[in-house]
Amino acid sequence: KSAQRQWLTEYLQSRNPADRVRLVDRIGWQGRAFVLPKETLNPAQADPGERLMFHSDSPAEDTFTQRGSVAQWQERIGRHCVGNSRLLFAASVALAGPALAWVPGMESGGFHLRGDSSCGKTTALRVAASVWGGRDYLQRWRATDNELEAQAAQHSDGVLVLDELGQLDAKVAGESAYMLANGQGKARAGRNGGARPRLTWRLLW
């Protein structure tokens, strides 16, 4: 096996491919291109000589999905937001995520929906999630620091929709919200003892 590994290394080092791909570990804007887990939206005016692809060491749960057209979303979901301040607000926050990068001085931020049970909080969150994906786009607050950081980085320049805050201890909830608003994860040591690069993000949640 050691010989096979050596042959593979020699082969890779001797190749000179005509096309190159730059791997990025964060969803969202990379220059004028917008990177998603399975595709990169690259307008004609962006650099045509560079291909971008999402790749992360953290397990990525691809919740970005598309069903139907914009017109169908407007008919089945968007029209129900008219005259409903909560649904309109939720959809607007979801749509505003990509604009953060283009507004000088804007940083990450979040909104907390409060109210009695069955007053429509989860419905509003599902409307926000529908802008970017389906049911699986809705996440839960109850997660480890590592999981929450990975989720934030994998929703950068978008919206992270989190439900069930009541499942968290108040102190943990406060620390988690502060971390999300701060736009970067905790410093951690790598395998060799050196500092690992922090995960960063810019999003609304």
N, C-alpha and C. Protein backbone atom coordinates (compact mmCIF):
# COMPACT_ATOMS: atom_id res chain seq x y z
N LYS A 1 0.82 -1.20 0.00
CA LYS A 1 0.00 0.00 0.00
C LYS A 1 0.87 1.25 0.00
N SER A 2 2.00 1.20 0.66
CA SER A 2 2.88 2.38 0.69
C SER A 2 3.36 2.72 -0.72
N ALA A 3 3.63 1.68 -1.53
CA ALA A 3 4.06 1.91 -2.92
C ALA A 3 2.94 2.54 -3.73
N GLN A 4 1.73 2.06 -3.52
CA GLN A 4 0.59 2.62 -4.25
C GLN A 4 0.37 4.09 -3.87
N ARG A 5 0.53 4.40 -2.59
CA ARG A 5 0.39 5.78 -2.15
C ARG A 5 1.45 6.65 -2.78
N GLN A 6 2.67 6.14 -2.88
CA GLN A 6 3.77 6.88 -3.49
C GLN A 6 3.50 7.12 -4.98
N TRP A 7 2.99 6.08 -5.67
CA TRP A 7 2.68 6.23 -7.10
C TRP A 7 1.59 7.30 -7.31
N LEU A 8 0.59 7.27 -6.43
CA LEU A 8 -0.48 8.26 -6.54
C LEU A 8 0.07 9.66 -6.33
N THR A 9 0.93 9.83 -5.33
CA THR A 9 1.52 11.14 -5.06
C THR A 9 2.35 11.61 -6.25
N GLU A 10 3.15 10.71 -6.80
CA GLU A 10 3.98 11.07 -7.96
C GLU A 10 3.12 11.45 -9.16
N TYR A 11 2.03 10.71 -9.33
CA TYR A 11 1.14 11.01 -10.45
C TYR A 11 0.52 12.40 -10.29
N LEU A 12 0.01 12.70 -9.10
CA LEU A 12 -0.63 13.99 -8.87
C LEU A 12 0.36 15.15 -9.03
N GLN A 13 1.59 14.94 -8.57
CA GLN A 13 2.59 16.00 -8.66
C GLN A 13 3.10 16.22 -10.08
N SER A 14 2.94 15.23 -10.93
CA SER A 14 3.45 15.35 -12.30
C SER A 14 2.40 15.88 -13.27
N ARG A 15 1.15 16.00 -12.82
CA ARG A 15 0.10 16.46 -13.71
C ARG A 15 0.09 17.99 -13.80
N ASN A 16 -0.29 18.49 -14.93
CA ASN A 16 -0.43 19.93 -15.13
C ASN A 16 -1.74 20.19 -15.88
N PRO A 17 -2.86 20.12 -15.16
CA PRO A 17 -4.16 20.24 -15.83
C PRO A 17 -4.38 21.64 -16.40
N ALA A 18 -5.11 21.68 -17.49
CA ALA A 18 -5.40 22.97 -18.12
C ALA A 18 -6.41 23.78 -17.30
N ASP A 19 -7.36 23.10 -16.68
CA ASP A 19 -8.38 23.78 -15.87
C ASP A 19 -8.09 23.58 -14.39
N ARG A 20 -8.33 24.63 -13.63
CA ARG A 20 -8.14 24.55 -12.18
C ARG A 20 -9.43 24.98 -11.48
N VAL A 21 -9.63 24.42 -10.30
CA VAL A 21 -10.80 24.74 -9.49
C VAL A 21 -10.32 25.21 -8.13
N ARG A 22 -10.86 26.32 -7.65
CA ARG A 22 -10.52 26.80 -6.30
C ARG A 22 -11.60 26.33 -5.34
N LEU A 23 -11.19 25.59 -4.31
CA LEU A 23 -12.12 25.10 -3.31
C LEU A 23 -12.32 26.15 -2.22
N VAL A 24 -13.56 26.39 -1.84
CA VAL A 24 -13.87 27.34 -0.78
C VAL A 24 -14.67 26.61 0.29
N ASP A 25 -14.44 26.98 1.54
CA ASP A 25 -15.06 26.25 2.66
C ASP A 25 -16.24 26.99 3.26
N ARG A 26 -16.77 27.97 2.52
CA ARG A 26 -17.89 28.75 3.03
C ARG A 26 -18.89 29.01 1.92
N ILE A 27 -20.15 28.83 2.25
CA ILE A 27 -21.23 29.17 1.32
C ILE A 27 -21.26 30.69 1.17
N GLY A 28 -21.73 31.17 0.03
CA GLY A 28 -21.95 32.60 -0.11
C GLY A 28 -21.07 33.24 -1.15
N TRP A 29 -20.91 34.55 -1.02
CA TRP A 29 -20.19 35.34 -2.01
C TRP A 29 -18.70 35.06 -2.00
N GLN A 30 -18.16 34.84 -3.18
CA GLN A 30 -16.72 34.79 -3.42
C GLN A 30 -16.49 35.73 -4.61
N GLY A 31 -16.15 36.98 -4.31
CA GLY A 31 -16.11 37.98 -5.37
C GLY A 31 -17.53 38.22 -5.86
N ARG A 32 -17.75 38.06 -7.16
CA ARG A 32 -19.09 38.25 -7.73
C ARG A 32 -19.81 36.92 -7.98
N ALA A 33 -19.20 35.84 -7.53
CA ALA A 33 -19.84 34.52 -7.66
C ALA A 33 -20.46 34.13 -6.33
N PHE A 34 -21.58 33.40 -6.38
CA PHE A 34 -22.25 32.94 -5.17
C PHE A 34 -22.16 31.43 -5.13
N VAL A 35 -21.46 30.91 -4.12
CA VAL A 35 -21.19 29.48 -4.01
C VAL A 35 -22.25 28.79 -3.16
N LEU A 36 -22.82 27.72 -3.71
CA LEU A 36 -23.75 26.86 -2.99
C LEU A 36 -23.15 25.46 -2.93
N PRO A 37 -23.69 24.58 -2.09
CA PRO A 37 -23.06 23.25 -1.95
C PRO A 37 -22.92 22.49 -3.26
N LYS A 38 -23.89 22.60 -4.17
CA LYS A 38 -23.86 21.79 -5.39
C LYS A 38 -23.71 22.58 -6.67
N GLU A 39 -23.66 23.90 -6.57
CA GLU A 39 -23.47 24.72 -7.77
C GLU A 39 -22.91 26.08 -7.37
N THR A 40 -22.34 26.75 -8.35
CA THR A 40 -21.83 28.11 -8.17
C THR A 40 -22.51 29.01 -9.18
N LEU A 41 -23.16 30.04 -8.67
CA LEU A 41 -23.84 31.01 -9.54
C LEU A 41 -22.81 32.07 -9.91
N ASN A 42 -22.42 32.05 -11.17
CA ASN A 42 -21.31 32.89 -11.62
C ASN A 42 -21.76 33.72 -12.82
N PRO A 43 -22.09 35.00 -12.60
CA PRO A 43 -22.56 35.83 -13.72
C PRO A 43 -21.48 36.03 -14.76
N ALA A 44 -21.90 36.44 -15.95
CA ALA A 44 -20.97 36.58 -17.08
C ALA A 44 -19.86 37.58 -16.79
N GLN A 45 -20.14 38.59 -15.95
CA GLN A 45 -19.11 39.60 -15.70
C GLN A 45 -18.08 39.15 -14.66
N ALA A 46 -18.33 38.03 -13.98
CA ALA A 46 -17.35 37.51 -13.03
C ALA A 46 -16.18 36.89 -13.78
N ASP A 47 -15.10 36.59 -13.07
CA ASP A 47 -13.90 36.05 -13.69
C ASP A 47 -14.19 34.71 -14.35
N PRO A 48 -14.19 34.62 -15.68
CA PRO A 48 -14.52 33.36 -16.34
C PRO A 48 -13.39 32.34 -16.26
N GLY A 49 -12.20 32.77 -15.86
CA GLY A 49 -11.06 31.86 -15.85
C GLY A 49 -10.92 31.08 -14.55
N GLU A 50 -11.79 31.33 -13.58
CA GLU A 50 -11.68 30.64 -12.29
C GLU A 50 -12.97 29.93 -11.94
N ARG A 51 -12.88 28.63 -11.73
CA ARG A 51 -14.02 27.86 -11.29
C ARG A 51 -13.96 27.70 -9.78
N LEU A 52 -15.09 27.85 -9.15
CA LEU A 52 -15.18 27.74 -7.69
C LEU A 52 -16.05 26.55 -7.32
N MET A 53 -15.66 25.87 -6.23
CA MET A 53 -16.44 24.73 -5.78
C MET A 53 -16.41 24.69 -4.25
N PHE A 54 -17.56 24.39 -3.66
CA PHE A 54 -17.64 24.31 -2.20
C PHE A 54 -17.04 23.00 -1.71
N HIS A 55 -16.20 23.10 -0.69
CA HIS A 55 -15.62 21.92 -0.06
C HIS A 55 -15.34 22.27 1.39
N SER A 56 -15.80 21.44 2.31
CA SER A 56 -15.60 21.72 3.73
C SER A 56 -15.22 20.45 4.47
N ASP A 57 -14.34 20.61 5.47
CA ASP A 57 -13.99 19.47 6.32
C ASP A 57 -15.14 19.11 7.25
N SER A 58 -16.02 20.08 7.51
CA SER A 58 -17.18 19.81 8.36
C SER A 58 -18.24 19.09 7.54
N PRO A 59 -18.91 18.12 8.15
CA PRO A 59 -19.97 17.43 7.41
C PRO A 59 -21.03 18.43 6.97
N ALA A 60 -21.32 18.48 5.70
CA ALA A 60 -22.27 19.45 5.16
C ALA A 60 -23.60 18.78 4.87
N GLU A 61 -24.65 19.28 5.52
CA GLU A 61 -25.99 18.79 5.25
C GLU A 61 -26.60 19.75 4.24
N ASP A 62 -26.69 19.32 3.00
CA ASP A 62 -27.14 20.20 1.94
C ASP A 62 -28.65 20.37 2.02
N THR A 63 -29.09 21.50 2.57
CA THR A 63 -30.51 21.76 2.70
C THR A 63 -31.01 22.75 1.65
N PHE A 64 -30.10 23.21 0.77
CA PHE A 64 -30.50 24.12 -0.30
C PHE A 64 -31.14 23.31 -1.42
N THR A 65 -32.43 23.49 -1.60
CA THR A 65 -33.14 22.73 -2.62
C THR A 65 -34.09 23.66 -3.38
N GLN A 66 -34.49 23.22 -4.56
CA GLN A 66 -35.43 23.99 -5.36
C GLN A 66 -36.54 23.09 -5.85
N ARG A 67 -37.77 23.54 -5.65
CA ARG A 67 -38.94 22.86 -6.19
C ARG A 67 -39.81 23.91 -6.85
N GLY A 68 -40.00 23.78 -8.13
CA GLY A 68 -40.86 24.72 -8.82
C GLY A 68 -40.14 25.99 -9.22
N SER A 69 -40.93 27.01 -9.57
CA SER A 69 -40.41 28.27 -10.10
C SER A 69 -40.70 29.41 -9.13
N VAL A 70 -40.13 30.56 -9.44
CA VAL A 70 -40.41 31.75 -8.63
C VAL A 70 -41.90 32.07 -8.66
N ALA A 71 -42.50 31.95 -9.84
CA ALA A 71 -43.93 32.24 -9.97
C ALA A 71 -44.76 31.32 -9.09
N GLN A 72 -44.36 30.04 -9.00
CA GLN A 72 -45.10 29.11 -8.15
C GLN A 72 -44.92 29.46 -6.68
N TRP A 73 -43.70 29.90 -6.28
CA TRP A 73 -43.49 30.32 -4.88
C TRP A 73 -44.37 31.53 -4.58
N GLN A 74 -44.44 32.48 -5.50
CA GLN A 74 -45.27 33.66 -5.30
C GLN A 74 -46.74 33.30 -5.15
N GLU A 75 -47.17 32.32 -5.93
CA GLU A 75 -48.58 31.92 -5.90
C GLU A 75 -48.91 31.11 -4.65
N ARG A 76 -48.03 30.19 -4.26
CA ARG A 76 -48.34 29.26 -3.17
C ARG A 76 -47.94 29.78 -1.79
N ILE A 77 -46.93 30.66 -1.74
CA ILE A 77 -46.44 31.14 -0.45
C ILE A 77 -46.46 32.66 -0.36
N GLY A 78 -45.87 33.31 -1.36
CA GLY A 78 -45.72 34.75 -1.30
C GLY A 78 -47.03 35.51 -1.14
N ARG A 79 -48.08 35.06 -1.82
CA ARG A 79 -49.34 35.80 -1.75
C ARG A 79 -49.96 35.77 -0.36
N HIS A 80 -49.60 34.76 0.44
CA HIS A 80 -50.12 34.68 1.82
C HIS A 80 -49.40 35.66 2.75
N CYS A 81 -48.30 36.22 2.28
CA CYS A 81 -47.57 37.21 3.09
C CYS A 81 -48.20 38.60 2.99
N VAL A 82 -48.97 38.83 1.95
CA VAL A 82 -49.59 40.14 1.75
C VAL A 82 -50.57 40.41 2.89
N GLY A 83 -50.35 41.52 3.60
CA GLY A 83 -51.22 41.88 4.71
C GLY A 83 -50.91 41.17 6.01
N ASN A 84 -49.89 40.28 6.01
CA ASN A 84 -49.50 39.58 7.24
C ASN A 84 -48.09 40.02 7.60
N SER A 85 -47.98 40.88 8.59
CA SER A 85 -46.68 41.49 8.91
C SER A 85 -45.63 40.47 9.31
N ARG A 86 -46.02 39.39 9.99
CA ARG A 86 -45.04 38.41 10.46
C ARG A 86 -44.48 37.61 9.29
N LEU A 87 -45.36 37.14 8.41
CA LEU A 87 -44.89 36.36 7.27
C LEU A 87 -44.09 37.23 6.31
N LEU A 88 -44.52 38.46 6.12
CA LEU A 88 -43.80 39.38 5.24
C LEU A 88 -42.41 39.68 5.80
N PHE A 89 -42.33 39.85 7.11
CA PHE A 89 -41.03 40.10 7.75
C PHE A 89 -40.11 38.90 7.59
N ALA A 90 -40.65 37.70 7.82
CA ALA A 90 -39.83 36.48 7.73
C ALA A 90 -39.28 36.30 6.32
N ALA A 91 -40.12 36.48 5.30
CA ALA A 91 -39.67 36.33 3.92
C ALA A 91 -38.64 37.41 3.57
N SER A 92 -38.86 38.62 4.08
CA SER A 92 -37.93 39.73 3.78
C SER A 92 -36.56 39.48 4.38
N VAL A 93 -36.50 38.95 5.60
CA VAL A 93 -35.22 38.65 6.24
C VAL A 93 -34.47 37.59 5.42
N ALA A 94 -35.20 36.58 4.96
CA ALA A 94 -34.57 35.52 4.16
C ALA A 94 -34.00 36.07 2.87
N LEU A 95 -34.70 36.99 2.24
CA LEU A 95 -34.25 37.56 0.98
C LEU A 95 -33.13 38.58 1.17
N ALA A 96 -33.01 39.14 2.37
CA ALA A 96 -32.02 40.19 2.62
C ALA A 96 -30.62 39.65 2.87
N GLY A 97 -30.49 38.36 3.22
CA GLY A 97 -29.19 37.79 3.56
C GLY A 97 -28.09 38.08 2.55
N PRO A 98 -28.31 37.81 1.25
CA PRO A 98 -27.25 38.05 0.26
C PRO A 98 -26.87 39.52 0.09
N ALA A 99 -27.74 40.43 0.52
CA ALA A 99 -27.45 41.87 0.35
C ALA A 99 -26.46 42.39 1.39
N LEU A 100 -26.24 41.66 2.48
CA LEU A 100 -25.36 42.15 3.54
C LEU A 100 -23.97 42.49 3.02
N ALA A 101 -23.46 41.67 2.11
CA ALA A 101 -22.10 41.86 1.61
C ALA A 101 -21.94 43.15 0.82
N TRP A 102 -23.03 43.68 0.31
CA TRP A 102 -22.95 44.83 -0.59
C TRP A 102 -23.37 46.14 0.09
N VAL A 103 -23.67 46.06 1.40
CA VAL A 103 -24.03 47.27 2.15
C VAL A 103 -22.88 47.60 3.09
N PRO A 104 -22.21 48.75 2.91
CA PRO A 104 -21.04 49.08 3.74
C PRO A 104 -21.39 49.09 5.23
N GLY A 105 -20.54 48.46 6.02
CA GLY A 105 -20.70 48.46 7.47
C GLY A 105 -21.69 47.46 8.02
N MET A 106 -22.33 46.68 7.18
CA MET A 106 -23.33 45.72 7.67
C MET A 106 -22.65 44.46 8.20
N GLU A 107 -23.18 43.94 9.29
CA GLU A 107 -22.66 42.71 9.89
C GLU A 107 -23.80 41.72 10.08
N SER A 108 -23.47 40.58 10.66
CA SER A 108 -24.50 39.58 10.95
C SER A 108 -25.46 40.10 12.01
N GLY A 109 -26.66 39.58 11.97
CA GLY A 109 -27.65 39.95 12.98
C GLY A 109 -28.78 38.95 13.02
N GLY A 110 -29.52 38.98 14.12
CA GLY A 110 -30.59 38.01 14.28
C GLY A 110 -31.85 38.63 14.85
N PHE A 111 -32.95 37.89 14.70
CA PHE A 111 -34.25 38.31 15.19
C PHE A 111 -34.87 37.15 15.95
N HIS A 112 -35.51 37.46 17.06
CA HIS A 112 -36.13 36.43 17.89
C HIS A 112 -37.63 36.64 17.89
N LEU A 113 -38.38 35.64 17.45
CA LEU A 113 -39.84 35.72 17.44
C LEU A 113 -40.37 35.17 18.77
N ARG A 114 -41.14 36.00 19.46
CA ARG A 114 -41.70 35.59 20.75
C ARG A 114 -43.21 35.56 20.68
N GLY A 115 -43.79 34.67 21.45
CA GLY A 115 -45.26 34.59 21.49
C GLY A 115 -45.72 33.29 22.08
N ASP A 116 -47.01 33.22 22.34
CA ASP A 116 -47.59 32.01 22.91
C ASP A 116 -47.50 30.86 21.91
N SER A 117 -47.69 29.67 22.42
CA SER A 117 -47.68 28.49 21.57
C SER A 117 -48.80 28.59 20.54
N SER A 118 -48.53 28.08 19.34
CA SER A 118 -49.51 28.04 18.25
C SER A 118 -49.94 29.42 17.77
N CYS A 119 -49.05 30.41 17.90
CA CYS A 119 -49.39 31.75 17.41
C CYS A 119 -48.78 32.03 16.03
N GLY A 120 -48.09 31.03 15.46
CA GLY A 120 -47.58 31.19 14.11
C GLY A 120 -46.09 31.39 13.98
N LYS A 121 -45.34 31.21 15.06
CA LYS A 121 -43.89 31.43 15.00
C LYS A 121 -43.23 30.45 14.03
N THR A 122 -43.53 29.16 14.18
CA THR A 122 -42.91 28.16 13.31
C THR A 122 -43.37 28.32 11.87
N THR A 123 -44.61 28.73 11.66
CA THR A 123 -45.10 28.99 10.31
C THR A 123 -44.27 30.09 9.65
N ALA A 124 -43.99 31.15 10.41
CA ALA A 124 -43.16 32.25 9.88
C ALA A 124 -41.76 31.75 9.54
N LEU A 125 -41.21 30.88 10.39
CA LEU A 125 -39.88 30.34 10.13
C LEU A 125 -39.89 29.47 8.87
N ARG A 126 -40.96 28.73 8.67
CA ARG A 126 -41.06 27.88 7.47
C ARG A 126 -41.16 28.73 6.21
N VAL A 127 -41.82 29.87 6.31
CA VAL A 127 -41.88 30.78 5.16
C VAL A 127 -40.48 31.28 4.83
N ALA A 128 -39.72 31.67 5.86
CA ALA A 128 -38.33 32.11 5.63
C ALA A 128 -37.51 30.98 5.01
N ALA A 129 -37.67 29.77 5.52
CA ALA A 129 -36.91 28.62 5.01
C ALA A 129 -37.28 28.31 3.56
N SER A 130 -38.52 28.59 3.17
CA SER A 130 -38.97 28.24 1.82
C SER A 130 -38.26 29.06 0.75
N VAL A 131 -37.67 30.19 1.13
CA VAL A 131 -36.93 31.01 0.15
C VAL A 131 -35.68 30.28 -0.32
N TRP A 132 -35.08 29.47 0.56
CA TRP A 132 -33.79 28.82 0.26
C TRP A 132 -33.90 27.31 0.10
N GLY A 133 -34.93 26.71 0.64
CA GLY A 133 -35.03 25.25 0.58
C GLY A 133 -36.40 24.79 1.03
N GLY A 134 -36.47 23.55 1.46
CA GLY A 134 -37.74 22.99 1.89
C GLY A 134 -37.80 22.82 3.39
N ARG A 135 -38.51 21.80 3.82
CA ARG A 135 -38.67 21.54 5.26
C ARG A 135 -37.34 21.34 5.96
N ASP A 136 -36.40 20.68 5.28
CA ASP A 136 -35.13 20.36 5.92
C ASP A 136 -34.25 21.59 6.14
N TYR A 137 -34.61 22.71 5.55
CA TYR A 137 -33.80 23.92 5.74
C TYR A 137 -33.94 24.46 7.16
N LEU A 138 -35.05 24.18 7.81
CA LEU A 138 -35.30 24.64 9.18
C LEU A 138 -34.42 23.84 10.14
N GLN A 139 -33.60 24.54 10.92
CA GLN A 139 -32.68 23.92 11.86
C GLN A 139 -33.15 24.11 13.30
N ARG A 140 -32.48 23.48 14.23
CA ARG A 140 -32.82 23.59 15.65
C ARG A 140 -31.69 24.27 16.42
N TRP A 141 -32.07 25.03 17.44
CA TRP A 141 -31.06 25.68 18.28
C TRP A 141 -30.23 24.64 19.04
N ARG A 142 -30.84 23.53 19.38
CA ARG A 142 -30.16 22.54 20.22
C ARG A 142 -29.07 21.85 19.41
N ALA A 143 -27.85 22.35 19.55
CA ALA A 143 -26.70 21.81 18.81
C ALA A 143 -25.43 22.14 19.59
N THR A 144 -24.37 21.41 19.35
CA THR A 144 -23.08 21.73 19.98
C THR A 144 -22.51 22.98 19.33
N ASP A 145 -21.50 23.57 19.98
CA ASP A 145 -20.84 24.75 19.42
C ASP A 145 -20.31 24.46 18.02
N ASN A 146 -19.67 23.30 17.88
CA ASN A 146 -19.11 22.93 16.57
C ASN A 146 -20.19 22.84 15.51
N GLU A 147 -21.32 22.22 15.85
CA GLU A 147 -22.42 22.06 14.89
C GLU A 147 -23.01 23.41 14.52
N LEU A 148 -23.18 24.28 15.51
CA LEU A 148 -23.77 25.59 15.23
C LEU A 148 -22.84 26.45 14.38
N GLU A 149 -21.53 26.36 14.66
CA GLU A 149 -20.56 27.10 13.85
C GLU A 149 -20.59 26.59 12.40
N ALA A 150 -20.62 25.27 12.23
CA ALA A 150 -20.65 24.70 10.88
C ALA A 150 -21.93 25.12 10.15
N GLN A 151 -23.06 25.11 10.86
CA GLN A 151 -24.32 25.54 10.25
C GLN A 151 -24.24 26.99 9.82
N ALA A 152 -23.65 27.85 10.65
CA ALA A 152 -23.54 29.27 10.31
C ALA A 152 -22.68 29.45 9.06
N ALA A 153 -21.53 28.77 9.01
CA ALA A 153 -20.65 28.89 7.85
C ALA A 153 -21.31 28.35 6.59
N GLN A 154 -22.16 27.33 6.75
CA GLN A 154 -22.83 26.73 5.60
C GLN A 154 -24.10 27.48 5.19
N HIS A 155 -24.41 28.57 5.90
CA HIS A 155 -25.54 29.43 5.52
C HIS A 155 -25.07 30.87 5.34
N SER A 156 -23.77 31.06 5.20
CA SER A 156 -23.23 32.42 5.09
C SER A 156 -23.82 33.15 3.89
N ASP A 157 -24.01 34.46 4.04
CA ASP A 157 -24.63 35.31 3.02
C ASP A 157 -26.06 34.87 2.70
N GLY A 158 -26.67 34.19 3.65
CA GLY A 158 -28.05 33.76 3.50
C GLY A 158 -28.78 33.97 4.81
N VAL A 159 -29.65 33.04 5.13
CA VAL A 159 -30.39 33.12 6.39
C VAL A 159 -30.31 31.75 7.07
N LEU A 160 -30.04 31.76 8.37
CA LEU A 160 -30.04 30.54 9.18
C LEU A 160 -31.32 30.57 10.01
N VAL A 161 -32.20 29.63 9.75
CA VAL A 161 -33.51 29.61 10.41
C VAL A 161 -33.47 28.57 11.53
N LEU A 162 -33.60 29.05 12.76
CA LEU A 162 -33.47 28.18 13.94
C LEU A 162 -34.76 28.18 14.74
N ASP A 163 -35.23 27.00 15.10
CA ASP A 163 -36.47 26.85 15.86
C ASP A 163 -36.17 26.22 17.21
N GLU A 164 -37.13 26.31 18.12
CA GLU A 164 -37.07 25.64 19.43
C GLU A 164 -35.96 26.17 20.33
N LEU A 165 -35.90 27.49 20.50
CA LEU A 165 -34.93 28.09 21.42
C LEU A 165 -35.14 27.61 22.85
N GLY A 166 -36.38 27.28 23.20
CA GLY A 166 -36.70 26.86 24.55
C GLY A 166 -36.01 25.58 24.97
N GLN A 167 -35.44 24.84 24.03
CA GLN A 167 -34.72 23.60 24.38
C GLN A 167 -33.33 23.88 24.94
N LEU A 168 -32.89 25.15 24.87
CA LEU A 168 -31.55 25.49 25.35
C LEU A 168 -31.61 26.15 26.71
N ASP A 169 -30.59 25.90 27.52
CA ASP A 169 -30.40 26.64 28.76
C ASP A 169 -30.19 28.11 28.42
N ALA A 170 -30.70 29.01 29.24
CA ALA A 170 -30.66 30.45 28.94
C ALA A 170 -29.24 30.96 28.73
N LYS A 171 -28.29 30.50 29.54
CA LYS A 171 -26.91 30.94 29.40
C LYS A 171 -26.32 30.47 28.08
N VAL A 172 -26.57 29.20 27.74
CA VAL A 172 -26.07 28.65 26.47
C VAL A 172 -26.70 29.37 25.29
N ALA A 173 -27.99 29.68 25.40
CA ALA A 173 -28.68 30.39 24.33
C ALA A 173 -28.06 31.76 24.11
N GLY A 174 -27.76 32.48 25.20
CA GLY A 174 -27.14 33.79 25.08
C GLY A 174 -25.77 33.72 24.43
N GLU A 175 -24.97 32.74 24.84
CA GLU A 175 -23.63 32.57 24.26
C GLU A 175 -23.72 32.20 22.78
N SER A 176 -24.68 31.36 22.42
CA SER A 176 -24.84 30.95 21.03
C SER A 176 -25.26 32.14 20.16
N ALA A 177 -26.19 32.94 20.67
CA ALA A 177 -26.65 34.11 19.91
C ALA A 177 -25.50 35.11 19.73
N TYR A 178 -24.71 35.31 20.77
CA TYR A 178 -23.58 36.23 20.67
C TYR A 178 -22.58 35.73 19.63
N MET A 179 -22.32 34.43 19.62
CA MET A 179 -21.38 33.87 18.66
C MET A 179 -21.87 34.06 17.23
N LEU A 180 -23.16 33.81 16.99
CA LEU A 180 -23.71 33.98 15.65
C LEU A 180 -23.60 35.44 15.20
N ALA A 181 -23.90 36.36 16.10
CA ALA A 181 -23.84 37.78 15.74
C ALA A 181 -22.40 38.24 15.54
N ASN A 182 -21.47 37.60 16.23
CA ASN A 182 -20.06 37.98 16.14
C ASN A 182 -19.44 37.59 14.79
N GLY A 183 -20.03 36.61 14.11
CA GLY A 183 -19.57 36.24 12.78
C GLY A 183 -18.37 35.34 12.70
N GLN A 184 -17.96 34.76 13.83
CA GLN A 184 -16.83 33.82 13.79
C GLN A 184 -16.91 32.85 14.95
N GLY A 185 -16.33 31.67 14.73
CA GLY A 185 -16.35 30.63 15.74
C GLY A 185 -15.21 30.77 16.73
N LYS A 186 -15.13 29.81 17.63
CA LYS A 186 -14.09 29.81 18.65
C LYS A 186 -12.74 29.40 18.05
N ALA A 187 -11.67 29.89 18.67
CA ALA A 187 -10.32 29.46 18.28
C ALA A 187 -10.09 28.06 18.83
N ARG A 188 -9.54 27.19 17.99
CA ARG A 188 -9.29 25.81 18.40
C ARG A 188 -7.93 25.38 17.88
N ALA A 189 -7.35 24.40 18.58
CA ALA A 189 -6.05 23.88 18.17
C ALA A 189 -6.24 22.82 17.10
N GLY A 190 -5.30 22.77 16.16
CA GLY A 190 -5.32 21.75 15.13
C GLY A 190 -4.66 20.47 15.61
N ARG A 191 -4.52 19.51 14.72
CA ARG A 191 -3.95 18.22 15.10
C ARG A 191 -2.51 18.34 15.56
N ASN A 192 -1.78 19.29 14.97
CA ASN A 192 -0.36 19.42 15.33
C ASN A 192 -0.14 20.43 16.46
N GLY A 193 -1.21 20.90 17.07
CA GLY A 193 -1.09 21.82 18.19
C GLY A 193 -1.19 23.28 17.79
N GLY A 194 -1.05 23.59 16.51
CA GLY A 194 -1.18 24.97 16.05
C GLY A 194 -2.64 25.39 15.97
N ALA A 195 -2.85 26.68 15.85
CA ALA A 195 -4.22 27.20 15.79
C ALA A 195 -4.87 26.86 14.46
N ARG A 196 -6.10 26.35 14.52
CA ARG A 196 -6.88 26.09 13.32
C ARG A 196 -7.55 27.38 12.87
N PRO A 197 -7.70 27.59 11.56
CA PRO A 197 -8.42 28.78 11.11
C PRO A 197 -9.85 28.76 11.65
N ARG A 198 -10.32 29.91 12.11
CA ARG A 198 -11.68 29.99 12.62
C ARG A 198 -12.68 29.99 11.46
N LEU A 199 -13.82 29.37 11.71
CA LEU A 199 -14.92 29.48 10.75
C LEU A 199 -15.50 30.88 10.85
N THR A 200 -15.81 31.48 9.72
CA THR A 200 -16.40 32.81 9.70
C THR A 200 -17.66 32.79 8.85
N TRP A 201 -18.51 33.77 9.06
CA TRP A 201 -19.76 33.86 8.31
C TRP A 201 -20.30 35.29 8.38
N ARG A 202 -21.26 35.54 7.53
CA ARG A 202 -21.99 36.80 7.51
C ARG A 202 -23.41 36.42 7.11
N LEU A 203 -24.34 36.56 8.05
CA LEU A 203 -25.70 36.09 7.77
C LEU A 203 -26.72 36.76 8.66
N LEU A 204 -27.97 36.55 8.32
CA LEU A 204 -29.09 36.90 9.19
C LEU A 204 -29.63 35.59 9.76
N TRP A 205 -30.06 35.64 10.99
CA TRP A 205 -30.58 34.42 11.60
C TRP A 205 -31.78 34.75 12.47
